[in-house]
Amino acid sequence: MSPHALDLLAPTYVTPPTERERPPGLPEPTSDEIRLDRVFAVLSEPLRITIVQRLLTSSDEFDHTCGWFGFDRPKSTLTHHFKALREAGVLTQRQYGLERRSRVRLGDLNERFPGLVDLVLAWEPTPSA
């Protein structure tokens, strides 16, 4: 990751919180199982790349529910997008009671695909016509 990208990251990604009691994560690929084609496929959806970008730049806490984003979409739609991101290895999720909270797998993505996070951080949505 470039030094400039570090300036864009939310504090929780620059200095992660200390390990604390948290529920175990939901099923996800190991770092070695994350495939670039799957990551590109899930990030090709503008809402998904927006989710990742917002987690990386605006997250003040360790992890967030889908309601934190304030998207005007049905919960079932958001759940689908978060699951796709998790299954591709982009996010990790934990179950807190009835809530699933998400966090970008920053270390794994940087290790597997150097420069990818820089591209996500630099992405801008295409203006609507």
Protein backbone atom coordinates (compact mmCIF):
# COMPACT_ATOMS: atom_id res chain seq x y z
CA MET A 1 0.00 0.00 0.00
CA SER A 2 1.32 3.45 -0.86
CA PRO A 3 2.22 5.93 1.90
CA HIS A 4 -0.49 8.28 0.58
CA ALA A 5 -3.12 5.55 1.02
CA LEU A 6 -2.30 5.37 4.73
CA ASP A 7 -3.44 8.99 5.05
CA LEU A 8 -6.87 8.00 3.68
CA LEU A 9 -7.49 5.07 6.01
CA ALA A 10 -9.76 5.42 9.03
CA PRO A 11 -7.92 5.31 12.38
CA THR A 12 -9.15 1.80 13.16
CA TYR A 13 -7.23 0.47 10.13
CA VAL A 14 -4.06 2.45 10.87
CA THR A 15 -3.94 1.40 14.51
CA PRO A 16 -6.24 -1.59 14.96
CA PRO A 17 -7.80 -1.99 18.39
CA THR A 18 -6.31 -4.51 20.76
CA GLU A 19 -7.76 -8.00 20.62
CA ARG A 20 -10.81 -8.29 22.84
CA GLU A 21 -13.63 -10.72 23.42
CA ARG A 22 -15.41 -11.01 20.10
CA PRO A 23 -17.56 -13.70 18.59
CA PRO A 24 -15.81 -15.97 16.10
CA GLY A 25 -15.87 -14.93 12.47
CA LEU A 26 -18.26 -16.35 9.90
CA PRO A 27 -16.91 -18.76 7.26
CA GLU A 28 -14.52 -17.08 4.84
CA PRO A 29 -11.64 -18.15 2.63
CA THR A 30 -8.18 -18.32 4.15
CA SER A 31 -5.68 -15.74 2.97
CA ASP A 32 -4.17 -18.25 0.53
CA GLU A 33 -7.61 -19.04 -0.91
CA ILE A 34 -8.45 -15.44 -1.85
CA ARG A 35 -8.48 -15.27 -5.66
CA LEU A 36 -8.02 -12.09 -7.63
CA ASP A 37 -10.74 -12.97 -10.15
CA ARG A 38 -13.32 -13.34 -7.35
CA VAL A 39 -12.19 -10.10 -5.69
CA PHE A 40 -12.47 -8.22 -9.00
CA ALA A 41 -15.88 -9.77 -9.65
CA VAL A 42 -17.37 -8.63 -6.34
CA LEU A 43 -15.74 -5.20 -6.54
CA SER A 44 -17.16 -4.64 -10.04
CA GLU A 45 -20.51 -3.84 -8.39
CA PRO A 46 -20.45 -0.10 -7.45
CA LEU A 47 -22.37 -0.62 -4.19
CA ARG A 48 -19.85 -3.23 -3.04
CA ILE A 49 -16.78 -1.14 -3.78
CA THR A 50 -18.54 1.76 -2.01
CA ILE A 51 -19.03 -0.48 1.04
CA VAL A 52 -15.33 -1.39 1.10
CA GLN A 53 -14.20 2.18 0.51
CA ARG A 54 -16.46 3.54 3.24
CA LEU A 55 -15.30 0.93 5.75
CA LEU A 56 -11.69 1.81 4.98
CA THR A 57 -12.09 5.58 5.19
CA SER A 58 -15.00 6.33 7.53
CA SER A 59 -14.98 3.57 10.10
CA ASP A 60 -14.43 4.93 13.61
CA GLU A 61 -15.18 1.62 15.29
CA PHE A 62 -13.77 -1.84 14.73
CA ASP A 63 -16.65 -3.21 12.67
CA HIS A 64 -20.10 -2.15 11.47
CA THR A 65 -23.55 -3.47 10.66
CA CYS A 66 -25.08 -2.90 7.23
CA GLY A 67 -27.41 -0.29 8.79
CA TRP A 68 -24.40 1.93 9.60
CA PHE A 69 -24.00 2.78 5.90
CA GLY A 70 -27.45 4.35 5.55
CA PHE A 71 -28.08 2.87 2.10
CA ASP A 72 -31.66 3.08 0.85
CA ARG A 73 -31.82 -0.60 -0.04
CA PRO A 74 -33.71 -3.55 1.45
CA LYS A 75 -31.83 -5.37 4.19
CA SER A 76 -31.97 -8.60 2.16
CA THR A 77 -30.17 -6.88 -0.73
CA LEU A 78 -27.48 -5.52 1.56
CA THR A 79 -27.07 -8.92 3.23
CA HIS A 80 -26.47 -10.44 -0.21
CA HIS A 81 -23.77 -7.88 -1.05
CA PHE A 82 -22.00 -8.32 2.29
CA LYS A 83 -22.09 -12.11 1.92
CA ALA A 84 -20.57 -11.86 -1.57
CA LEU A 85 -17.77 -9.65 -0.24
CA ARG A 86 -17.12 -12.07 2.64
CA GLU A 87 -17.13 -15.17 0.44
CA ALA A 88 -14.64 -13.53 -1.94
CA GLY A 89 -12.33 -12.77 1.00
CA VAL A 90 -12.70 -8.99 0.96
CA LEU A 91 -14.54 -8.70 4.29
CA THR A 92 -14.57 -10.59 7.53
CA GLN A 93 -17.83 -10.75 9.46
CA ARG A 94 -18.76 -11.61 13.04
CA GLN A 95 -22.19 -12.41 14.43
CA TYR A 96 -23.19 -10.24 17.43
CA GLY A 97 -26.60 -11.51 18.48
CA LEU A 98 -28.86 -10.68 15.54
CA GLU A 99 -26.31 -8.38 13.87
CA ARG A 100 -23.50 -9.22 11.49
CA ARG A 101 -20.68 -6.74 11.62
CA SER A 102 -18.11 -6.32 8.88
CA ARG A 103 -14.50 -5.26 8.51
CA VAL A 104 -12.18 -5.19 5.48
CA ARG A 105 -9.45 -7.84 5.48
CA LEU A 106 -6.85 -5.14 4.89
CA GLY A 107 -3.77 -7.17 5.84
CA ASP A 108 -4.76 -10.16 3.73
CA LEU A 109 -5.61 -8.02 0.69
CA ASN A 110 -2.37 -6.05 0.94
CA GLU A 111 -0.35 -9.24 1.28
CA ARG A 112 -2.05 -11.09 -1.59
CA PHE A 113 -2.58 -8.19 -4.00
CA PRO A 114 -0.25 -5.22 -3.36
CA GLY A 115 -1.77 -2.02 -4.72
CA LEU A 116 -5.37 -3.27 -4.77
CA VAL A 117 -6.39 -1.27 -1.69
CA ASP A 118 -4.85 1.85 -3.27
CA LEU A 119 -7.13 1.33 -6.29
CA VAL A 120 -10.19 0.90 -4.07
CA LEU A 121 -9.33 4.04 -2.13
CA ALA A 122 -8.84 6.03 -5.37
CA TRP A 123 -12.06 4.81 -6.99
CA GLU A 124 -14.75 7.38 -7.74
CA PRO A 125 -18.25 6.52 -8.90
CA THR A 126 -19.17 7.32 -12.47
CA PRO A 127 -21.33 10.46 -12.54
CA SER A 128 -24.98 9.80 -13.41
CA ALA A 129 -26.09 11.09 -16.75
